[in-house]
Amino acid sequence: PGTGARSETGAGNVFNVPLREDDGTDEFRAAFREAVLPPLEAFRPDLVIISAGFDAHHRDPLGGLNLTEADFDWATGQLLEVASRHAGDRLVSLLEGGYDLQGLGRSVASHVKRLMIG
């Protein structure tokens, strides 16, 4: 929370997509479809690495967003599709943040279930 300004681009390989406080499913999915997936598809990764943070969950006291387990499931599915098209299904997921244990547990379960079923 509080990091990831659109102007922070690294060496041209960082795409931050800031959302407004209280944004939820519609805003998140639109931003993901419009600002995350196109450069990822253009890059054609050999490996997809997910930094799986869940502090955007609506129960989280720090994130300020209103995402649900279904949103994390959906995003995971989108990244699995990219990995299938470009990376021979190679995908690694690393657990990052989430500060409400109930929201974190549910979100991680949804994410891992999607990883398992594809």
Protein backbone atom coordinates (compact mmCIF):
# COMPACT_ATOMS: atom_id res chain seq x y z
CA PRO A 1 0.00 0.00 0.00
CA GLY A 2 1.17 3.49 -0.84
CA THR A 3 3.72 2.43 -3.45
CA GLY A 4 3.67 1.73 -7.16
CA ALA A 5 3.14 5.08 -8.84
CA ARG A 6 2.43 4.95 -12.57
CA SER A 7 5.62 6.99 -13.10
CA GLU A 8 7.79 4.26 -11.53
CA THR A 9 8.79 2.32 -14.63
CA GLY A 10 12.17 0.85 -13.74
CA ALA A 11 14.10 0.20 -16.95
CA GLY A 12 10.85 0.27 -18.91
CA ASN A 13 9.82 -3.13 -17.61
CA VAL A 14 7.66 -2.06 -14.65
CA PHE A 15 3.95 -1.39 -15.18
CA ASN A 16 2.30 -0.04 -12.05
CA VAL A 17 -1.45 0.37 -12.25
CA PRO A 18 -2.62 2.43 -9.27
CA LEU A 19 -6.22 2.01 -8.19
CA ARG A 20 -8.21 4.47 -6.10
CA GLU A 21 -9.13 3.72 -2.52
CA ASP A 22 -12.33 1.66 -2.32
CA ASP A 23 -12.02 0.44 -5.93
CA GLY A 24 -13.34 -3.08 -6.35
CA THR A 25 -13.99 -5.82 -8.87
CA ASP A 26 -14.95 -3.72 -11.88
CA GLU A 27 -12.07 -1.27 -11.61
CA PHE A 28 -9.52 -3.98 -10.84
CA ARG A 29 -10.52 -6.24 -13.71
CA ALA A 30 -10.69 -3.36 -16.18
CA ALA A 31 -7.22 -2.17 -15.15
CA PHE A 32 -5.86 -5.70 -15.39
CA ARG A 33 -7.34 -6.23 -18.86
CA GLU A 34 -6.33 -2.81 -20.19
CA ALA A 35 -3.00 -2.03 -18.50
CA VAL A 36 -1.46 -5.31 -17.31
CA LEU A 37 -2.27 -7.94 -19.91
CA PRO A 38 -1.36 -6.04 -23.12
CA PRO A 39 2.30 -5.34 -22.17
CA LEU A 40 2.60 -8.83 -20.70
CA GLU A 41 1.32 -10.38 -23.93
CA ALA A 42 3.66 -8.16 -25.97
CA PHE A 43 6.61 -9.24 -23.83
CA ARG A 44 5.84 -12.95 -24.40
CA PRO A 45 7.43 -14.20 -21.16
CA ASP A 46 9.35 -17.48 -20.95
CA LEU A 47 8.27 -17.74 -17.32
CA VAL A 48 5.45 -16.04 -15.41
CA ILE A 49 6.24 -15.15 -11.80
CA ILE A 50 3.37 -14.02 -9.59
CA SER A 51 4.13 -11.92 -6.54
CA ALA A 52 0.91 -13.00 -4.85
CA GLY A 53 -0.09 -10.30 -2.41
CA PHE A 54 -3.61 -10.23 -1.03
CA ASP A 55 -3.72 -6.91 0.80
CA ALA A 56 -6.27 -5.67 -1.77
CA HIS A 57 -8.86 -7.96 -0.13
CA HIS A 58 -11.83 -6.04 1.24
CA ARG A 59 -11.14 -7.27 4.81
CA ASP A 60 -7.51 -6.11 4.79
CA PRO A 61 -6.84 -3.14 7.09
CA LEU A 62 -4.01 -1.69 4.95
CA GLY A 63 -4.89 -2.13 1.27
CA GLY A 64 -7.91 0.16 1.00
CA LEU A 65 -9.42 -1.83 -1.87
CA ASN A 66 -12.49 -4.04 -2.10
CA LEU A 67 -11.41 -7.19 -3.89
CA THR A 68 -12.80 -10.64 -3.15
CA GLU A 69 -11.50 -14.17 -3.47
CA ALA A 70 -13.22 -14.34 -6.87
CA ASP A 71 -11.06 -11.46 -8.11
CA PHE A 72 -7.86 -13.23 -7.13
CA ASP A 73 -9.13 -16.43 -8.76
CA TRP A 74 -9.90 -14.50 -11.95
CA ALA A 75 -6.49 -12.78 -12.05
CA THR A 76 -4.73 -16.09 -11.44
CA GLY A 77 -6.66 -17.59 -14.34
CA GLN A 78 -5.64 -14.73 -16.62
CA LEU A 79 -1.97 -15.25 -15.74
CA LEU A 80 -2.27 -19.00 -16.25
CA GLU A 81 -3.56 -18.30 -19.76
CA VAL A 82 -0.56 -16.06 -20.49
CA ALA A 83 1.77 -18.78 -19.19
CA SER A 84 0.03 -21.32 -21.39
CA ARG A 85 0.33 -19.17 -24.53
CA HIS A 86 3.91 -17.99 -24.08
CA ALA A 87 5.76 -19.88 -21.36
CA GLY A 88 4.96 -23.54 -21.88
CA ASP A 89 2.74 -23.38 -18.75
CA ARG A 90 5.74 -22.34 -16.62
CA LEU A 91 4.46 -20.25 -13.73
CA VAL A 92 5.76 -19.64 -10.21
CA SER A 93 3.73 -18.04 -7.43
CA LEU A 94 5.33 -16.48 -4.34
CA LEU A 95 3.24 -15.48 -1.33
CA GLU A 96 3.60 -11.81 -0.42
CA GLY A 97 1.28 -9.73 1.76
CA GLY A 98 -2.13 -9.78 3.31
CA TYR A 99 -2.84 -8.59 6.84
CA ASP A 100 -6.27 -9.94 7.68
CA LEU A 101 -5.83 -13.64 8.38
CA GLN A 102 -9.34 -14.64 7.35
CA GLY A 103 -9.19 -12.68 4.09
CA LEU A 104 -5.65 -13.88 3.45
CA GLY A 105 -6.56 -17.52 4.05
CA ARG A 106 -9.57 -17.40 1.75
CA SER A 107 -7.67 -15.55 -0.96
CA VAL A 108 -4.69 -17.89 -0.87
CA ALA A 109 -7.03 -20.90 -1.00
CA SER A 110 -8.78 -19.46 -4.06
CA HIS A 111 -5.46 -18.67 -5.75
CA VAL A 112 -3.96 -22.11 -5.08
CA LYS A 113 -7.14 -23.88 -6.16
CA ARG A 114 -7.01 -22.03 -9.49
CA LEU A 115 -3.35 -22.95 -9.89
CA MET A 116 -4.21 -26.60 -9.28
CA ILE A 117 -7.16 -26.82 -11.68
CA GLY A 118 -5.77 -24.48 -14.32
